[in-house]
mmCIF file of all heavy atoms, coordinates in Angstrom:
data_MODEL
# 
_entry.id   MODEL 
# 
loop_
_atom_site.group_PDB 
_atom_site.id 
_atom_site.type_symbol 
_atom_site.label_atom_id 
_atom_site.label_alt_id 
_atom_site.label_comp_id 
_atom_site.label_asym_id 
_atom_site.label_entity_id 
_atom_site.label_seq_id 
_atom_site.pdbx_PDB_ins_code 
_atom_site.Cartn_x 
_atom_site.Cartn_y 
_atom_site.Cartn_z 
_atom_site.occupancy 
_atom_site.B_iso_or_equiv 
_atom_site.pdbx_formal_charge 
_atom_site.auth_seq_id 
_atom_site.auth_comp_id 
_atom_site.auth_asym_id 
_atom_site.auth_atom_id 
_atom_site.pdbx_PDB_model_num 
ATOM 1   N N   . ILE A 1 1  ? 146.056 -115.547 26.574 1.00 0.00 ? 1  ILE A N   1 
ATOM 2   C CA  . ILE A 1 1  ? 144.791 -115.802 27.231 1.00 0.00 ? 1  ILE A CA  1 
ATOM 3   C C   . ILE A 1 1  ? 143.631 -115.395 26.330 1.00 0.00 ? 1  ILE A C   1 
ATOM 4   O O   . ILE A 1 1  ? 143.769 -114.463 25.500 1.00 0.00 ? 1  ILE A O   1 
ATOM 5   C CB  . ILE A 1 1  ? 144.709 -115.039 28.568 1.00 0.00 ? 1  ILE A CB  1 
ATOM 6   C CG1 . ILE A 1 1  ? 143.530 -115.550 29.420 1.00 0.00 ? 1  ILE A CG1 1 
ATOM 7   C CG2 . ILE A 1 1  ? 144.668 -113.541 28.364 1.00 0.00 ? 1  ILE A CG2 1 
ATOM 8   C CD1 . ILE A 1 1  ? 143.590 -115.123 30.872 1.00 0.00 ? 1  ILE A CD1 1 
ATOM 9   N N   . SER A 1 2  ? 142.530 -116.143 26.389 1.00 0.00 ? 2  SER A N   1 
ATOM 10  C CA  . SER A 1 2  ? 141.371 -115.896 25.555 1.00 0.00 ? 2  SER A CA  1 
ATOM 11  C C   . SER A 1 2  ? 140.105 -116.144 26.346 1.00 0.00 ? 2  SER A C   1 
ATOM 12  O O   . SER A 1 2  ? 140.039 -117.080 27.099 1.00 0.00 ? 2  SER A O   1 
ATOM 13  C CB  . SER A 1 2  ? 141.430 -116.867 24.362 1.00 0.00 ? 2  SER A CB  1 
ATOM 14  O OG  . SER A 1 2  ? 140.313 -116.691 23.510 1.00 0.00 ? 2  SER A OG  1 
ATOM 15  N N   . PRO A 1 3  ? 139.080 -115.301 26.190 1.00 0.00 ? 3  PRO A N   1 
ATOM 16  C CA  . PRO A 1 3  ? 137.802 -115.539 26.883 1.00 0.00 ? 3  PRO A CA  1 
ATOM 17  C C   . PRO A 1 3  ? 137.163 -116.819 26.338 1.00 0.00 ? 3  PRO A C   1 
ATOM 18  O O   . PRO A 1 3  ? 137.097 -117.018 25.148 1.00 0.00 ? 3  PRO A O   1 
ATOM 19  C CB  . PRO A 1 3  ? 136.931 -114.298 26.532 1.00 0.00 ? 3  PRO A CB  1 
ATOM 20  C CG  . PRO A 1 3  ? 137.910 -113.282 26.039 1.00 0.00 ? 3  PRO A CG  1 
ATOM 21  C CD  . PRO A 1 3  ? 139.036 -114.037 25.389 1.00 0.00 ? 3  PRO A CD  1 
ATOM 22  N N   . PHE A 1 4  ? 136.690 -117.648 27.257 1.00 0.00 ? 4  PHE A N   1 
ATOM 23  C CA  . PHE A 1 4  ? 136.030 -118.897 26.838 1.00 0.00 ? 4  PHE A CA  1 
ATOM 24  C C   . PHE A 1 4  ? 134.834 -118.592 25.961 1.00 0.00 ? 4  PHE A C   1 
ATOM 25  O O   . PHE A 1 4  ? 133.960 -117.773 26.301 1.00 0.00 ? 4  PHE A O   1 
ATOM 26  C CB  . PHE A 1 4  ? 135.617 -119.725 28.061 1.00 0.00 ? 4  PHE A CB  1 
ATOM 27  C CG  . PHE A 1 4  ? 134.991 -121.054 27.715 1.00 0.00 ? 4  PHE A CG  1 
ATOM 28  C CD1 . PHE A 1 4  ? 135.752 -122.050 27.164 1.00 0.00 ? 4  PHE A CD1 1 
ATOM 29  C CD2 . PHE A 1 4  ? 133.636 -121.271 27.920 1.00 0.00 ? 4  PHE A CD2 1 
ATOM 30  C CE1 . PHE A 1 4  ? 135.208 -123.252 26.852 1.00 0.00 ? 4  PHE A CE1 1 
ATOM 31  C CE2 . PHE A 1 4  ? 133.069 -122.495 27.608 1.00 0.00 ? 4  PHE A CE2 1 
ATOM 32  C CZ  . PHE A 1 4  ? 133.828 -123.498 27.047 1.00 0.00 ? 4  PHE A CZ  1 
ATOM 33  N N   . GLY A 1 5  ? 134.772 -119.256 24.810 1.00 0.00 ? 5  GLY A N   1 
ATOM 34  C CA  . GLY A 1 5  ? 133.679 -119.049 23.853 1.00 0.00 ? 5  GLY A CA  1 
ATOM 35  C C   . GLY A 1 5  ? 133.969 -117.980 22.832 1.00 0.00 ? 5  GLY A C   1 
ATOM 36  O O   . GLY A 1 5  ? 133.194 -117.794 21.909 1.00 0.00 ? 5  GLY A O   1 
ATOM 37  N N   . ASN A 1 6  ? 135.140 -117.327 22.963 1.00 0.00 ? 6  ASN A N   1 
ATOM 38  C CA  . ASN A 1 6  ? 135.521 -116.277 21.981 1.00 0.00 ? 6  ASN A CA  1 
ATOM 39  C C   . ASN A 1 6  ? 136.974 -116.498 21.581 1.00 0.00 ? 6  ASN A C   1 
ATOM 40  O O   . ASN A 1 6  ? 137.847 -115.678 21.883 1.00 0.00 ? 6  ASN A O   1 
ATOM 41  C CB  . ASN A 1 6  ? 135.353 -114.903 22.619 1.00 0.00 ? 6  ASN A CB  1 
ATOM 42  C CG  . ASN A 1 6  ? 135.521 -113.761 21.633 1.00 0.00 ? 6  ASN A CG  1 
ATOM 43  O OD1 . ASN A 1 6  ? 135.643 -114.012 20.426 1.00 0.00 ? 6  ASN A OD1 1 
ATOM 44  N ND2 . ASN A 1 6  ? 135.583 -112.549 22.119 1.00 0.00 ? 6  ASN A ND2 1 
ATOM 45  N N   . PRO A 1 7  ? 137.258 -117.611 20.911 1.00 0.00 ? 7  PRO A N   1 
ATOM 46  C CA  . PRO A 1 7  ? 138.651 -117.991 20.624 1.00 0.00 ? 7  PRO A CA  1 
ATOM 47  C C   . PRO A 1 7  ? 139.367 -117.037 19.653 1.00 0.00 ? 7  PRO A C   1 
ATOM 48  O O   . PRO A 1 7  ? 140.592 -117.016 19.596 1.00 0.00 ? 7  PRO A O   1 
ATOM 49  C CB  . PRO A 1 7  ? 138.544 -119.367 20.009 1.00 0.00 ? 7  PRO A CB  1 
ATOM 50  C CG  . PRO A 1 7  ? 137.132 -119.459 19.520 1.00 0.00 ? 7  PRO A CG  1 
ATOM 51  C CD  . PRO A 1 7  ? 136.313 -118.629 20.462 1.00 0.00 ? 7  PRO A CD  1 
ATOM 52  N N   . GLU A 1 8  ? 138.622 -116.200 18.956 1.00 0.00 ? 8  GLU A N   1 
ATOM 53  C CA  . GLU A 1 8  ? 139.260 -115.246 18.028 1.00 0.00 ? 8  GLU A CA  1 
ATOM 54  C C   . GLU A 1 8  ? 139.934 -114.104 18.763 1.00 0.00 ? 8  GLU A C   1 
ATOM 55  O O   . GLU A 1 8  ? 140.803 -113.437 18.251 1.00 0.00 ? 8  GLU A O   1 
ATOM 56  C CB  . GLU A 1 8  ? 138.239 -114.686 17.015 1.00 0.00 ? 8  GLU A CB  1 
ATOM 57  C CG  . GLU A 1 8  ? 137.644 -115.704 16.055 1.00 0.00 ? 8  GLU A CG  1 
ATOM 58  C CD  . GLU A 1 8  ? 136.528 -116.533 16.699 1.00 0.00 ? 8  GLU A CD  1 
ATOM 59  O OE1 . GLU A 1 8  ? 136.062 -116.135 17.757 1.00 0.00 ? 8  GLU A OE1 1 
ATOM 60  O OE2 . GLU A 1 8  ? 136.166 -117.575 16.084 1.00 0.00 ? 8  GLU A OE2 1 
ATOM 61  N N   . PHE A 1 9  ? 139.527 -113.882 20.020 1.00 0.00 ? 9  PHE A N   1 
ATOM 62  C CA  . PHE A 1 9  ? 140.064 -112.760 20.800 1.00 0.00 ? 9  PHE A CA  1 
ATOM 63  C C   . PHE A 1 9  ? 141.209 -113.338 21.659 1.00 0.00 ? 9  PHE A C   1 
ATOM 64  O O   . PHE A 1 9  ? 140.977 -114.085 22.611 1.00 0.00 ? 9  PHE A O   1 
ATOM 65  C CB  . PHE A 1 9  ? 138.989 -112.154 21.710 1.00 0.00 ? 9  PHE A CB  1 
ATOM 66  C CG  . PHE A 1 9  ? 139.428 -110.899 22.394 1.00 0.00 ? 9  PHE A CG  1 
ATOM 67  C CD1 . PHE A 1 9  ? 139.366 -109.667 21.783 1.00 0.00 ? 9  PHE A CD1 1 
ATOM 68  C CD2 . PHE A 1 9  ? 139.933 -110.960 23.698 1.00 0.00 ? 9  PHE A CD2 1 
ATOM 69  C CE1 . PHE A 1 9  ? 139.788 -108.517 22.401 1.00 0.00 ? 9  PHE A CE1 1 
ATOM 70  C CE2 . PHE A 1 9  ? 140.353 -109.804 24.324 1.00 0.00 ? 9  PHE A CE2 1 
ATOM 71  C CZ  . PHE A 1 9  ? 140.280 -108.582 23.721 1.00 0.00 ? 9  PHE A CZ  1 
ATOM 72  N N   . ILE A 1 10 ? 142.408 -112.918 21.339 1.00 0.00 ? 10 ILE A N   1 
ATOM 73  C CA  . ILE A 1 10 ? 143.602 -113.464 22.029 1.00 0.00 ? 10 ILE A CA  1 
ATOM 74  C C   . ILE A 1 10 ? 144.471 -112.290 22.531 1.00 0.00 ? 10 ILE A C   1 
ATOM 75  O O   . ILE A 1 10 ? 144.731 -111.348 21.798 1.00 0.00 ? 10 ILE A O   1 
ATOM 76  C CB  . ILE A 1 10 ? 144.423 -114.392 21.109 1.00 0.00 ? 10 ILE A CB  1 
ATOM 77  C CG1 . ILE A 1 10 ? 143.661 -115.667 20.807 1.00 0.00 ? 10 ILE A CG1 1 
ATOM 78  C CG2 . ILE A 1 10 ? 145.791 -114.670 21.699 1.00 0.00 ? 10 ILE A CG2 1 
ATOM 79  C CD1 . ILE A 1 10 ? 144.379 -116.592 19.853 1.00 0.00 ? 10 ILE A CD1 1 
ATOM 80  N N   . ILE A 1 11 ? 144.856 -112.416 23.783 1.00 0.00 ? 11 ILE A N   1 
ATOM 81  C CA  . ILE A 1 11 ? 145.780 -111.417 24.410 1.00 0.00 ? 11 ILE A CA  1 
ATOM 82  C C   . ILE A 1 11 ? 147.093 -112.107 24.667 1.00 0.00 ? 11 ILE A C   1 
ATOM 83  O O   . ILE A 1 11 ? 147.139 -113.222 25.123 1.00 0.00 ? 11 ILE A O   1 
ATOM 84  C CB  . ILE A 1 11 ? 145.182 -110.881 25.742 1.00 0.00 ? 11 ILE A CB  1 
ATOM 85  C CG1 . ILE A 1 11 ? 143.856 -110.176 25.480 1.00 0.00 ? 11 ILE A CG1 1 
ATOM 86  C CG2 . ILE A 1 11 ? 146.199 -109.967 26.418 1.00 0.00 ? 11 ILE A CG2 1 
ATOM 87  C CD1 . ILE A 1 11 ? 143.060 -109.967 26.767 1.00 0.00 ? 11 ILE A CD1 1 
ATOM 88  N N   . ASN A 1 12 ? 148.187 -111.416 24.357 1.00 0.00 ? 12 ASN A N   1 
ATOM 89  C CA  . ASN A 1 12 ? 149.520 -111.958 24.630 1.00 0.00 ? 12 ASN A CA  1 
ATOM 90  C C   . ASN A 1 12 ? 150.334 -110.959 25.409 1.00 0.00 ? 12 ASN A C   1 
ATOM 91  O O   . ASN A 1 12 ? 150.439 -109.802 25.045 1.00 0.00 ? 12 ASN A O   1 
ATOM 92  C CB  . ASN A 1 12 ? 150.247 -112.282 23.302 1.00 0.00 ? 12 ASN A CB  1 
ATOM 93  C CG  . ASN A 1 12 ? 151.648 -112.766 23.467 1.00 0.00 ? 12 ASN A CG  1 
ATOM 94  O OD1 . ASN A 1 12 ? 152.575 -112.301 22.810 1.00 0.00 ? 12 ASN A OD1 1 
ATOM 95  N ND2 . ASN A 1 12 ? 151.860 -113.658 24.406 1.00 0.00 ? 12 ASN A ND2 1 
ATOM 96  N N   . THR A 1 13 ? 150.918 -111.372 26.543 1.00 0.00 ? 13 THR A N   1 
ATOM 97  C CA  . THR A 1 13 ? 151.857 -110.530 27.303 1.00 0.00 ? 13 THR A CA  1 
ATOM 98  C C   . THR A 1 13 ? 153.106 -111.323 27.554 1.00 0.00 ? 13 THR A C   1 
ATOM 99  O O   . THR A 1 13 ? 153.140 -112.534 27.418 1.00 0.00 ? 13 THR A O   1 
ATOM 100 C CB  . THR A 1 13 ? 151.225 -110.081 28.643 1.00 0.00 ? 13 THR A CB  1 
ATOM 101 O OG1 . THR A 1 13 ? 150.924 -111.225 29.445 1.00 0.00 ? 13 THR A OG1 1 
ATOM 102 C CG2 . THR A 1 13 ? 149.960 -109.264 28.427 1.00 0.00 ? 13 THR A CG2 1 
ATOM 103 N N   . THR A 1 14 ? 154.157 -110.602 27.950 1.00 0.00 ? 14 THR A N   1 
ATOM 104 C CA  . THR A 1 14 ? 155.445 -111.257 28.181 1.00 0.00 ? 14 THR A CA  1 
ATOM 105 C C   . THR A 1 14 ? 156.067 -110.800 29.468 1.00 0.00 ? 14 THR A C   1 
ATOM 106 O O   . THR A 1 14 ? 155.689 -109.764 30.042 1.00 0.00 ? 14 THR A O   1 
ATOM 107 C CB  . THR A 1 14 ? 156.414 -110.930 27.026 1.00 0.00 ? 14 THR A CB  1 
ATOM 108 O OG1 . THR A 1 14 ? 156.621 -109.490 26.968 1.00 0.00 ? 14 THR A OG1 1 
ATOM 109 C CG2 . THR A 1 14 ? 155.916 -111.402 25.674 1.00 0.00 ? 14 THR A CG2 1 
ATOM 110 N N   . GLY A 1 15 ? 157.022 -111.607 29.941 1.00 0.00 ? 15 GLY A N   1 
ATOM 111 C CA  . GLY A 1 15 ? 157.791 -111.214 31.150 1.00 0.00 ? 15 GLY A CA  1 
ATOM 112 C C   . GLY A 1 15 ? 159.194 -111.759 31.043 1.00 0.00 ? 15 GLY A C   1 
ATOM 113 O O   . GLY A 1 15 ? 159.414 -112.750 30.338 1.00 0.00 ? 15 GLY A O   1 
ATOM 114 N N   . ARG A 1 16 ? 160.111 -111.099 31.802 1.00 0.00 ? 16 ARG A N   1 
ATOM 115 C CA  . ARG A 1 16 ? 161.515 -111.527 31.711 1.00 0.00 ? 16 ARG A CA  1 
ATOM 116 C C   . ARG A 1 16 ? 162.139 -111.433 33.079 1.00 0.00 ? 16 ARG A C   1 
ATOM 117 O O   . ARG A 1 16 ? 161.919 -110.490 33.818 1.00 0.00 ? 16 ARG A O   1 
ATOM 118 C CB  . ARG A 1 16 ? 162.293 -110.690 30.719 1.00 0.00 ? 16 ARG A CB  1 
ATOM 119 C CG  . ARG A 1 16 ? 163.807 -110.942 30.717 1.00 0.00 ? 16 ARG A CG  1 
ATOM 120 C CD  . ARG A 1 16 ? 164.512 -110.205 29.608 1.00 0.00 ? 16 ARG A CD  1 
ATOM 121 N NE  . ARG A 1 16 ? 164.125 -110.813 28.301 1.00 0.00 ? 16 ARG A NE  1 
ATOM 122 C CZ  . ARG A 1 16 ? 164.656 -110.412 27.143 1.00 0.00 ? 16 ARG A CZ  1 
ATOM 123 N NH1 . ARG A 1 16 ? 165.563 -109.448 27.128 1.00 0.00 ? 16 ARG A NH1 1 
ATOM 124 N NH2 . ARG A 1 16 ? 164.255 -110.974 26.021 1.00 0.00 ? 16 ARG A NH2 1 
ATOM 125 N N   . LEU A 1 17 ? 162.929 -112.454 33.411 1.00 0.00 ? 17 LEU A N   1 
ATOM 126 C CA  . LEU A 1 17 ? 163.755 -112.489 34.614 1.00 0.00 ? 17 LEU A CA  1 
ATOM 127 C C   . LEU A 1 17 ? 165.199 -112.735 34.233 1.00 0.00 ? 17 LEU A C   1 
ATOM 128 O O   . LEU A 1 17 ? 165.518 -113.738 33.654 1.00 0.00 ? 17 LEU A O   1 
ATOM 129 C CB  . LEU A 1 17 ? 163.297 -113.574 35.586 1.00 0.00 ? 17 LEU A CB  1 
ATOM 130 C CG  . LEU A 1 17 ? 164.185 -113.789 36.839 1.00 0.00 ? 17 LEU A CG  1 
ATOM 131 C CD1 . LEU A 1 17 ? 164.181 -112.536 37.751 1.00 0.00 ? 17 LEU A CD1 1 
ATOM 132 C CD2 . LEU A 1 17 ? 163.742 -115.016 37.616 1.00 0.00 ? 17 LEU A CD2 1 
ATOM 133 N N   . SER A 1 18 ? 166.105 -111.751 34.536 1.00 0.00 ? 18 SER A N   1 
ATOM 134 C CA  . SER A 1 18 ? 167.501 -111.882 34.166 1.00 0.00 ? 18 SER A CA  1 
ATOM 135 C C   . SER A 1 18 ? 168.321 -112.485 35.324 1.00 0.00 ? 18 SER A C   1 
ATOM 136 O O   . SER A 1 18 ? 168.014 -112.332 36.472 1.00 0.00 ? 18 SER A O   1 
ATOM 137 C CB  . SER A 1 18 ? 168.034 -110.513 33.808 1.00 0.00 ? 18 SER A CB  1 
ATOM 138 O OG  . SER A 1 18 ? 167.377 -109.981 32.656 1.00 0.00 ? 18 SER A OG  1 
ATOM 139 N N   . GLY A 1 19 ? 169.419 -113.161 34.933 1.00 0.00 ? 19 GLY A N   1 
ATOM 140 C CA  . GLY A 1 19 ? 170.314 -113.735 35.928 1.00 0.00 ? 19 GLY A CA  1 
ATOM 141 C C   . GLY A 1 19 ? 171.600 -114.236 35.273 1.00 0.00 ? 19 GLY A C   1 
ATOM 142 O O   . GLY A 1 19 ? 171.962 -113.756 34.154 1.00 0.00 ? 19 GLY A O   1 
ATOM 143 N N   . LEU A 1 20 ? 172.245 -115.151 35.956 1.00 0.00 ? 20 LEU A N   1 
ATOM 144 C CA  . LEU A 1 20 ? 173.514 -115.718 35.426 1.00 0.00 ? 20 LEU A CA  1 
ATOM 145 C C   . LEU A 1 20 ? 173.458 -117.252 35.530 1.00 0.00 ? 20 LEU A C   1 
ATOM 146 O O   . LEU A 1 20 ? 172.814 -117.797 36.453 1.00 0.00 ? 20 LEU A O   1 
ATOM 147 C CB  . LEU A 1 20 ? 174.666 -115.221 36.304 1.00 0.00 ? 20 LEU A CB  1 
ATOM 148 C CG  . LEU A 1 20 ? 174.946 -113.704 36.324 1.00 0.00 ? 20 LEU A CG  1 
ATOM 149 C CD1 . LEU A 1 20 ? 175.995 -113.382 37.373 1.00 0.00 ? 20 LEU A CD1 1 
ATOM 150 C CD2 . LEU A 1 20 ? 175.467 -113.234 34.959 1.00 0.00 ? 20 LEU A CD2 1 
ATOM 151 N N   . ILE A 1 21 ? 174.137 -117.903 34.621 1.00 0.00 ? 21 ILE A N   1 
ATOM 152 C CA  . ILE A 1 21 ? 174.268 -119.374 34.712 1.00 0.00 ? 21 ILE A CA  1 
ATOM 153 C C   . ILE A 1 21 ? 175.332 -119.744 35.720 1.00 0.00 ? 21 ILE A C   1 
ATOM 154 O O   . ILE A 1 21 ? 176.452 -119.258 35.677 1.00 0.00 ? 21 ILE A O   1 
ATOM 155 C CB  . ILE A 1 21 ? 174.582 -119.975 33.365 1.00 0.00 ? 21 ILE A CB  1 
ATOM 156 C CG1 . ILE A 1 21 ? 173.485 -119.656 32.335 1.00 0.00 ? 21 ILE A CG1 1 
ATOM 157 C CG2 . ILE A 1 21 ? 174.770 -121.485 33.467 1.00 0.00 ? 21 ILE A CG2 1 
ATOM 158 C CD1 . ILE A 1 21 ? 172.126 -120.185 32.678 1.00 0.00 ? 21 ILE A CD1 1 
ATOM 159 N N   . ALA A 1 22 ? 175.012 -120.572 36.667 1.00 0.00 ? 22 ALA A N   1 
ATOM 160 C CA  . ALA A 1 22 ? 175.891 -121.011 37.727 1.00 0.00 ? 22 ALA A CA  1 
ATOM 161 C C   . ALA A 1 22 ? 176.947 -121.962 37.129 1.00 0.00 ? 22 ALA A C   1 
ATOM 162 O O   . ALA A 1 22 ? 176.858 -122.360 36.018 1.00 0.00 ? 22 ALA A O   1 
ATOM 163 C CB  . ALA A 1 22 ? 175.112 -121.656 38.870 1.00 0.00 ? 22 ALA A CB  1 
ATOM 164 N N   . THR A 1 23 ? 177.928 -122.296 37.988 1.00 0.00 ? 23 THR A N   1 
ATOM 165 C CA  . THR A 1 23 ? 178.966 -123.284 37.558 1.00 0.00 ? 23 THR A CA  1 
ATOM 166 C C   . THR A 1 23 ? 178.670 -124.640 38.153 1.00 0.00 ? 23 THR A C   1 
ATOM 167 O O   . THR A 1 23 ? 179.381 -125.598 37.863 1.00 0.00 ? 23 THR A O   1 
ATOM 168 C CB  . THR A 1 23 ? 180.343 -122.793 38.007 1.00 0.00 ? 23 THR A CB  1 
ATOM 169 O OG1 . THR A 1 23 ? 180.346 -122.599 39.422 1.00 0.00 ? 23 THR A OG1 1 
ATOM 170 C CG2 . THR A 1 23 ? 180.725 -121.507 37.295 1.00 0.00 ? 23 THR A CG2 1 
ATOM 171 N N   . SER A 1 24 ? 177.633 -124.749 38.985 1.00 0.00 ? 24 SER A N   1 
ATOM 172 C CA  . SER A 1 24 ? 177.261 -126.050 39.553 1.00 0.00 ? 24 SER A CA  1 
ATOM 173 C C   . SER A 1 24 ? 175.720 -126.071 39.675 1.00 0.00 ? 24 SER A C   1 
ATOM 174 O O   . SER A 1 24 ? 175.053 -125.045 39.638 1.00 0.00 ? 24 SER A O   1 
ATOM 175 C CB  . SER A 1 24 ? 177.921 -126.284 40.928 1.00 0.00 ? 24 SER A CB  1 
ATOM 176 O OG  . SER A 1 24 ? 177.543 -125.276 41.825 1.00 0.00 ? 24 SER A OG  1 
ATOM 177 N N   . ILE A 1 25 ? 175.223 -127.271 39.873 1.00 0.00 ? 25 ILE A N   1 
ATOM 178 C CA  . ILE A 1 25 ? 173.768 -127.499 39.951 1.00 0.00 ? 25 ILE A CA  1 
ATOM 179 C C   . ILE A 1 25 ? 173.318 -127.529 41.390 1.00 0.00 ? 25 ILE A C   1 
ATOM 180 O O   . ILE A 1 25 ? 173.857 -128.280 42.220 1.00 0.00 ? 25 ILE A O   1 
ATOM 181 C CB  . ILE A 1 25 ? 173.383 -128.838 39.259 1.00 0.00 ? 25 ILE A CB  1 
ATOM 182 C CG1 . ILE A 1 25 ? 173.751 -128.756 37.788 1.00 0.00 ? 25 ILE A CG1 1 
ATOM 183 C CG2 . ILE A 1 25 ? 171.844 -129.075 39.368 1.00 0.00 ? 25 ILE A CG2 1 
ATOM 184 C CD1 . ILE A 1 25 ? 173.567 -130.099 37.058 1.00 0.00 ? 25 ILE A CD1 1 
ATOM 185 N N   . SER A 1 26 ? 172.347 -126.711 41.714 1.00 0.00 ? 26 SER A N   1 
ATOM 186 C CA  . SER A 1 26 ? 171.803 -126.661 43.092 1.00 0.00 ? 26 SER A CA  1 
ATOM 187 C C   . SER A 1 26 ? 170.852 -127.880 43.304 1.00 0.00 ? 26 SER A C   1 
ATOM 188 O O   . SER A 1 26 ? 170.202 -128.316 42.389 1.00 0.00 ? 26 SER A O   1 
ATOM 189 C CB  . SER A 1 26 ? 170.995 -125.358 43.283 1.00 0.00 ? 26 SER A CB  1 
ATOM 190 O OG  . SER A 1 26 ? 170.227 -125.402 44.481 1.00 0.00 ? 26 SER A OG  1 
ATOM 191 N N   . PRO A 1 27 ? 170.825 -128.346 44.540 1.00 0.00 ? 27 PRO A N   1 
ATOM 192 C CA  . PRO A 1 27 ? 169.837 -129.430 44.848 1.00 0.00 ? 27 PRO A CA  1 
ATOM 193 C C   . PRO A 1 27 ? 168.453 -128.907 45.012 1.00 0.00 ? 27 PRO A C   1 
ATOM 194 O O   . PRO A 1 27 ? 167.530 -129.712 45.169 1.00 0.00 ? 27 PRO A O   1 
ATOM 195 C CB  . PRO A 1 27 ? 170.379 -129.992 46.144 1.00 0.00 ? 27 PRO A CB  1 
ATOM 196 C CG  . PRO A 1 27 ? 171.057 -128.857 46.797 1.00 0.00 ? 27 PRO A CG  1 
ATOM 197 C CD  . PRO A 1 27 ? 171.678 -128.028 45.702 1.00 0.00 ? 27 PRO A CD  1 
# 
């Protein structure tokens, strides 16, 4: 994310959600 008009100022954050891969596809 960056404040409009100040493109040199950039913030970066991250997030993670853990799980398992299923054996079939849900509808």
